[in-house]
N, C-alpha and C. Protein backbone atom coordinates (compact mmCIF):
# COMPACT_ATOMS: atom_id res chain seq x y z
N MET A 1 0.85 -1.17 0.00
CA MET A 1 0.00 0.00 0.00
C MET A 1 0.90 1.23 0.00
N ARG A 2 0.38 2.30 -0.50
CA ARG A 2 1.10 3.56 -0.54
C ARG A 2 0.99 4.27 0.80
N ILE A 3 1.81 5.28 0.99
CA ILE A 3 1.89 5.99 2.26
C ILE A 3 0.56 6.67 2.63
N GLY A 4 -0.17 7.16 1.63
CA GLY A 4 -1.46 7.79 1.91
C GLY A 4 -2.45 6.82 2.52
N GLU A 5 -2.45 5.60 2.03
CA GLU A 5 -3.35 4.58 2.58
C GLU A 5 -2.94 4.21 4.00
N LEU A 6 -1.65 4.09 4.24
CA LEU A 6 -1.17 3.80 5.59
C LEU A 6 -1.58 4.94 6.53
N SER A 7 -1.47 6.16 6.06
CA SER A 7 -1.87 7.31 6.86
C SER A 7 -3.36 7.23 7.19
N ARG A 8 -4.18 6.92 6.22
CA ARG A 8 -5.63 6.82 6.46
C ARG A 8 -5.93 5.69 7.44
N GLN A 9 -5.28 4.54 7.27
CA GLN A 9 -5.56 3.39 8.15
C GLN A 9 -5.09 3.62 9.58
N SER A 10 -3.97 4.31 9.73
CA SER A 10 -3.37 4.46 11.05
C SER A 10 -3.76 5.75 11.76
N GLY A 11 -4.21 6.75 10.99
CA GLY A 11 -4.51 8.04 11.58
C GLY A 11 -3.26 8.87 11.85
N VAL A 12 -2.12 8.43 11.31
CA VAL A 12 -0.85 9.14 11.48
C VAL A 12 -0.57 9.89 10.18
N SER A 13 -0.14 11.13 10.29
CA SER A 13 0.08 11.95 9.10
C SER A 13 1.20 11.37 8.22
N ILE A 14 1.13 11.69 6.94
CA ILE A 14 2.16 11.26 6.00
C ILE A 14 3.51 11.81 6.43
N ARG A 15 3.53 13.06 6.85
CA ARG A 15 4.78 13.67 7.29
C ARG A 15 5.39 12.89 8.46
N MET A 16 4.55 12.49 9.43
CA MET A 16 5.05 11.73 10.57
C MET A 16 5.52 10.34 10.15
N LEU A 17 4.81 9.72 9.22
CA LEU A 17 5.24 8.41 8.73
C LEU A 17 6.61 8.50 8.07
N ARG A 18 6.84 9.55 7.31
CA ARG A 18 8.16 9.75 6.70
C ARG A 18 9.22 10.00 7.76
N PHE A 19 8.85 10.73 8.80
CA PHE A 19 9.78 10.96 9.90
C PHE A 19 10.13 9.64 10.59
N TYR A 20 9.11 8.81 10.84
CA TYR A 20 9.36 7.50 11.44
C TYR A 20 10.32 6.69 10.58
N GLU A 21 10.13 6.76 9.29
CA GLU A 21 11.02 6.04 8.38
C GLU A 21 12.45 6.59 8.49
N ALA A 22 12.59 7.90 8.53
CA ALA A 22 13.92 8.52 8.65
C ALA A 22 14.59 8.14 9.97
N GLN A 23 13.79 7.90 11.00
CA GLN A 23 14.31 7.51 12.30
C GLN A 23 14.59 6.01 12.40
N GLY A 24 14.31 5.28 11.33
CA GLY A 24 14.56 3.84 11.32
C GLY A 24 13.47 3.01 11.97
N LEU A 25 12.31 3.63 12.20
CA LEU A 25 11.20 2.91 12.83
C LEU A 25 10.36 2.14 11.82
N LEU A 26 10.34 2.59 10.59
CA LEU A 26 9.61 1.92 9.51
C LEU A 26 10.59 1.62 8.38
N LYS A 27 10.39 0.46 7.78
CA LYS A 27 11.26 0.06 6.67
C LYS A 27 10.40 -0.47 5.52
N PRO A 28 9.74 0.44 4.81
CA PRO A 28 8.88 -0.02 3.72
C PRO A 28 9.71 -0.53 2.55
N GLY A 29 9.09 -1.40 1.78
CA GLY A 29 9.72 -1.81 0.53
C GLY A 29 9.53 -0.71 -0.50
N ARG A 30 10.00 -0.96 -1.68
CA ARG A 30 9.85 0.01 -2.78
C ARG A 30 9.25 -0.72 -3.98
N THR A 31 8.39 -0.01 -4.69
CA THR A 31 7.84 -0.55 -5.93
C THR A 31 8.89 -0.40 -7.03
N ALA A 32 8.63 -0.98 -8.18
CA ALA A 32 9.56 -0.87 -9.31
C ALA A 32 9.77 0.58 -9.71
N SER A 33 8.74 1.40 -9.51
CA SER A 33 8.86 2.82 -9.87
C SER A 33 9.41 3.68 -8.72
N GLY A 34 9.80 3.05 -7.60
CA GLY A 34 10.45 3.77 -6.51
C GLY A 34 9.54 4.27 -5.40
N TYR A 35 8.23 4.02 -5.51
CA TYR A 35 7.31 4.45 -4.46
C TYR A 35 7.47 3.55 -3.23
N ARG A 36 7.24 4.15 -2.06
CA ARG A 36 7.24 3.35 -0.84
C ARG A 36 6.08 2.36 -0.92
N ASP A 37 6.34 1.15 -0.44
CA ASP A 37 5.31 0.11 -0.45
C ASP A 37 5.19 -0.46 0.96
N TYR A 38 4.14 -0.03 1.66
CA TYR A 38 3.94 -0.44 3.04
C TYR A 38 3.07 -1.69 3.09
N GLY A 39 3.46 -2.62 3.94
CA GLY A 39 2.70 -3.85 4.09
C GLY A 39 2.14 -3.99 5.50
N PRO A 40 1.62 -5.16 5.81
CA PRO A 40 1.02 -5.39 7.13
C PRO A 40 1.99 -5.17 8.29
N ASP A 41 3.27 -5.48 8.09
CA ASP A 41 4.24 -5.28 9.17
C ASP A 41 4.38 -3.80 9.53
N GLU A 42 4.35 -2.93 8.53
CA GLU A 42 4.45 -1.50 8.80
C GLU A 42 3.19 -0.98 9.50
N VAL A 43 2.03 -1.52 9.13
CA VAL A 43 0.79 -1.12 9.81
C VAL A 43 0.90 -1.49 11.29
N LYS A 44 1.35 -2.70 11.58
CA LYS A 44 1.51 -3.13 12.98
C LYS A 44 2.53 -2.26 13.70
N ALA A 45 3.63 -1.94 13.01
CA ALA A 45 4.67 -1.10 13.62
C ALA A 45 4.11 0.27 13.97
N VAL A 46 3.32 0.87 13.08
CA VAL A 46 2.75 2.19 13.35
C VAL A 46 1.80 2.11 14.55
N ILE A 47 1.03 1.06 14.65
CA ILE A 47 0.13 0.88 15.80
C ILE A 47 0.94 0.81 17.09
N ARG A 48 2.04 0.06 17.06
CA ARG A 48 2.89 -0.06 18.26
C ARG A 48 3.55 1.28 18.59
N ILE A 49 4.03 1.97 17.57
CA ILE A 49 4.67 3.28 17.78
C ILE A 49 3.67 4.23 18.43
N THR A 50 2.45 4.26 17.92
CA THR A 50 1.40 5.13 18.45
C THR A 50 1.11 4.79 19.92
N LEU A 51 1.03 3.51 20.22
CA LEU A 51 0.78 3.06 21.59
C LEU A 51 1.90 3.51 22.52
N LEU A 52 3.14 3.32 22.10
CA LEU A 52 4.28 3.68 22.94
C LEU A 52 4.43 5.20 23.09
N ARG A 53 4.14 5.94 22.03
CA ARG A 53 4.20 7.41 22.13
C ARG A 53 3.13 7.91 23.09
N ALA A 54 1.95 7.29 23.05
CA ALA A 54 0.88 7.68 23.97
C ALA A 54 1.28 7.40 25.41
N ALA A 55 2.17 6.42 25.61
CA ALA A 55 2.65 6.09 26.94
C ALA A 55 3.83 6.99 27.35
N GLY A 56 4.19 7.93 26.48
CA GLY A 56 5.24 8.88 26.82
C GLY A 56 6.64 8.48 26.41
N MET A 57 6.77 7.43 25.62
CA MET A 57 8.08 6.97 25.19
C MET A 57 8.64 7.88 24.09
N THR A 58 9.95 8.06 24.11
CA THR A 58 10.61 8.83 23.06
C THR A 58 10.88 7.92 21.86
N LEU A 59 11.12 8.52 20.72
CA LEU A 59 11.37 7.71 19.52
C LEU A 59 12.62 6.83 19.64
N PRO A 60 13.72 7.31 20.24
CA PRO A 60 14.86 6.39 20.40
C PRO A 60 14.52 5.17 21.26
N VAL A 61 13.73 5.35 22.31
CA VAL A 61 13.32 4.23 23.14
C VAL A 61 12.40 3.31 22.35
N ILE A 62 11.51 3.89 21.58
CA ILE A 62 10.60 3.09 20.76
C ILE A 62 11.39 2.26 19.76
N ARG A 63 12.42 2.84 19.18
CA ARG A 63 13.26 2.10 18.22
C ARG A 63 13.84 0.86 18.89
N ASP A 64 14.21 0.98 20.17
CA ASP A 64 14.72 -0.18 20.91
C ASP A 64 13.62 -1.19 21.22
N PHE A 65 12.39 -0.71 21.42
CA PHE A 65 11.26 -1.57 21.75
C PHE A 65 10.80 -2.43 20.57
N LEU A 66 10.79 -1.87 19.39
CA LEU A 66 10.17 -2.55 18.26
C LEU A 66 10.69 -3.96 18.01
N PRO A 67 11.98 -4.25 18.20
CA PRO A 67 12.41 -5.63 18.02
C PRO A 67 11.78 -6.61 19.01
N CYS A 68 11.28 -6.10 20.14
CA CYS A 68 10.61 -6.96 21.12
C CYS A 68 9.14 -7.21 20.76
N ALA A 69 8.68 -6.62 19.68
CA ALA A 69 7.27 -6.76 19.30
C ALA A 69 6.99 -8.14 18.75
N LEU A 70 5.87 -8.67 19.14
CA LEU A 70 5.42 -9.96 18.60
C LEU A 70 4.75 -9.70 17.26
N ASP A 71 5.10 -10.48 16.26
CA ASP A 71 4.57 -10.26 14.92
C ASP A 71 3.08 -10.53 14.80
N THR A 72 2.56 -11.43 15.60
CA THR A 72 1.18 -11.88 15.40
C THR A 72 0.14 -11.01 16.10
N ARG A 73 0.58 -10.10 16.99
CA ARG A 73 -0.39 -9.24 17.68
C ARG A 73 0.31 -7.98 18.12
N GLY A 74 -0.43 -7.04 18.64
CA GLY A 74 0.14 -5.77 19.04
C GLY A 74 0.79 -5.79 20.41
N ALA A 75 1.33 -6.92 20.80
CA ALA A 75 1.95 -7.05 22.13
C ALA A 75 3.46 -7.10 22.00
N PHE A 76 4.13 -7.25 23.11
CA PHE A 76 5.59 -7.28 23.13
C PHE A 76 6.07 -8.52 23.85
N GLU A 77 7.21 -9.03 23.41
CA GLU A 77 7.82 -10.17 24.08
C GLU A 77 8.30 -9.73 25.46
N PRO A 78 8.21 -10.62 26.43
CA PRO A 78 8.67 -10.25 27.76
C PRO A 78 10.20 -10.36 27.85
N CYS A 79 10.90 -9.28 27.50
CA CYS A 79 12.36 -9.29 27.60
C CYS A 79 12.80 -8.37 28.73
N ASP A 80 13.92 -8.69 29.36
CA ASP A 80 14.37 -7.94 30.54
C ASP A 80 14.59 -6.46 30.25
N GLU A 81 15.21 -6.15 29.13
CA GLU A 81 15.47 -4.75 28.80
C GLU A 81 14.17 -3.96 28.67
N LEU A 82 13.20 -4.59 28.06
CA LEU A 82 11.89 -3.95 27.90
C LEU A 82 11.25 -3.70 29.26
N ARG A 83 11.32 -4.69 30.15
CA ARG A 83 10.76 -4.52 31.49
C ARG A 83 11.42 -3.35 32.22
N MET A 84 12.76 -3.29 32.16
CA MET A 84 13.47 -2.20 32.85
C MET A 84 13.10 -0.85 32.27
N THR A 85 12.98 -0.78 30.96
CA THR A 85 12.63 0.49 30.32
C THR A 85 11.22 0.92 30.71
N VAL A 86 10.30 -0.02 30.74
CA VAL A 86 8.93 0.30 31.13
C VAL A 86 8.90 0.75 32.59
N ARG A 87 9.65 0.09 33.45
CA ARG A 87 9.70 0.50 34.86
C ARG A 87 10.26 1.92 34.99
N ARG A 88 11.32 2.23 34.23
CA ARG A 88 11.87 3.59 34.26
C ARG A 88 10.84 4.61 33.79
N GLN A 89 10.10 4.26 32.74
CA GLN A 89 9.08 5.17 32.21
C GLN A 89 7.97 5.38 33.24
N ILE A 90 7.58 4.33 33.93
CA ILE A 90 6.58 4.46 34.98
C ILE A 90 7.09 5.40 36.07
N GLY A 91 8.37 5.29 36.42
CA GLY A 91 8.98 6.18 37.40
C GLY A 91 8.93 7.63 36.94
N ARG A 92 9.22 7.86 35.65
CA ARG A 92 9.15 9.22 35.10
C ARG A 92 7.72 9.77 35.18
N VAL A 93 6.76 8.92 34.85
CA VAL A 93 5.36 9.35 34.91
C VAL A 93 4.98 9.67 36.35
N ASP A 94 5.41 8.83 37.29
CA ASP A 94 5.13 9.10 38.70
C ASP A 94 5.75 10.42 39.14
N ASP A 95 6.99 10.69 38.70
CA ASP A 95 7.64 11.96 39.02
C ASP A 95 6.85 13.14 38.47
N ARG A 96 6.36 13.00 37.23
CA ARG A 96 5.57 14.09 36.63
C ARG A 96 4.27 14.30 37.38
N ILE A 97 3.65 13.20 37.81
CA ILE A 97 2.41 13.30 38.58
C ILE A 97 2.66 14.08 39.87
N GLU A 98 3.74 13.75 40.57
CA GLU A 98 4.06 14.45 41.82
C GLU A 98 4.34 15.93 41.56
N SER A 99 5.05 16.22 40.48
CA SER A 99 5.33 17.61 40.12
C SER A 99 4.04 18.35 39.80
N LEU A 100 3.15 17.71 39.08
CA LEU A 100 1.87 18.34 38.75
C LEU A 100 1.02 18.55 40.01
N LYS A 101 1.09 17.63 40.95
CA LYS A 101 0.36 17.81 42.21
C LYS A 101 0.87 19.03 42.96
N ARG A 102 2.20 19.21 42.98
CA ARG A 102 2.78 20.38 43.64
C ARG A 102 2.35 21.66 42.93
N SER A 103 2.36 21.64 41.60
CA SER A 103 1.93 22.80 40.82
C SER A 103 0.47 23.12 41.11
N ARG A 104 -0.34 22.09 41.17
CA ARG A 104 -1.77 22.30 41.44
C ARG A 104 -1.97 22.91 42.82
N ALA A 105 -1.26 22.41 43.79
CA ALA A 105 -1.38 22.95 45.16
C ALA A 105 -0.96 24.42 45.19
N ALA A 106 0.11 24.74 44.48
CA ALA A 106 0.55 26.14 44.43
C ALA A 106 -0.49 27.02 43.76
N LEU A 107 -1.07 26.54 42.69
CA LEU A 107 -2.11 27.30 41.99
C LEU A 107 -3.35 27.48 42.87
N GLU A 108 -3.73 26.43 43.61
CA GLU A 108 -4.87 26.55 44.52
C GLU A 108 -4.60 27.59 45.60
N ALA A 109 -3.35 27.64 46.10
CA ALA A 109 -3.00 28.63 47.13
C ALA A 109 -3.10 30.04 46.55
N ILE A 110 -2.64 30.23 45.33
CA ILE A 110 -2.74 31.54 44.68
C ILE A 110 -4.20 31.91 44.48
N LEU A 111 -4.99 30.96 44.01
CA LEU A 111 -6.41 31.23 43.78
C LEU A 111 -7.11 31.57 45.08
N ALA A 112 -6.74 30.89 46.15
CA ALA A 112 -7.36 31.17 47.45
C ALA A 112 -7.05 32.61 47.88
N GLN A 113 -5.85 33.08 47.59
CA GLN A 113 -5.49 34.46 47.92
C GLN A 113 -6.24 35.46 47.05
N LEU A 114 -6.50 35.07 45.82
CA LEU A 114 -7.18 35.97 44.88
C LEU A 114 -8.68 36.00 45.09
N THR A 115 -9.21 34.98 45.74
CA THR A 115 -10.65 34.88 45.92
C THR A 115 -11.00 35.17 47.38
N LEU A 116 -10.82 36.41 47.75
CA LEU A 116 -11.15 36.81 49.11
C LEU A 116 -12.67 36.88 49.26
N PRO A 117 -13.16 36.56 50.43
CA PRO A 117 -14.62 36.71 50.63
C PRO A 117 -15.04 38.17 50.41
N GLU A 118 -16.26 38.37 50.01
CA GLU A 118 -16.79 39.72 49.68
C GLU A 118 -16.57 40.71 50.82
N THR A 119 -16.76 40.29 52.05
CA THR A 119 -16.62 41.21 53.17
C THR A 119 -15.19 41.70 53.31
N GLU A 120 -14.21 40.83 53.12
CA GLU A 120 -12.80 41.24 53.19
C GLU A 120 -12.45 42.15 52.03
N ALA A 121 -12.95 41.82 50.84
CA ALA A 121 -12.63 42.61 49.63
C ALA A 121 -13.20 44.01 49.74
N SER A 122 -14.41 44.15 50.29
CA SER A 122 -15.03 45.48 50.35
C SER A 122 -14.45 46.30 51.52
N ALA A 123 -13.87 45.66 52.51
CA ALA A 123 -13.29 46.37 53.64
C ALA A 123 -11.96 47.00 53.26
N SER A 124 -11.31 46.53 52.24
CA SER A 124 -9.99 47.08 51.88
C SER A 124 -10.04 48.21 50.95
C-alpha cells in the first residue's frame, strides 16, 4: 500500500510516517517505480509506535522496543530490557504526577489568595 493509505488506516500523518522512516522505525519496501510500499508489518509497527508514544516513550526508546514486538499481535515479548525500560518510564510518569500535584497545590493557594470573601474585599 502507498503511504497515503497507511496514513488513512493508522490516523498518522504522511509527514510523521516519513519521519518514522527517517528515524529507522519503519522500513517499507519500494515498488519498481520507486514508491514506498507499506505492508502489514508497517501497519503493525505504526500501531505499536502510536501506543508507545501515547505512553510517553521517546522515539529512540521506541526504536529499541520494536524488536521486542510480537509479529502476530500488538503485544511485546517479555524481555528484561523492555521490562526495565517500562519501569523507568513508569517512574518518570510518577515523578511528573508528583510535580503536577505540587503545581496544582501552588495554583490553589494563589487562587485562594485571589478569591477573598466579599466582606474582606469590600473592607480594603
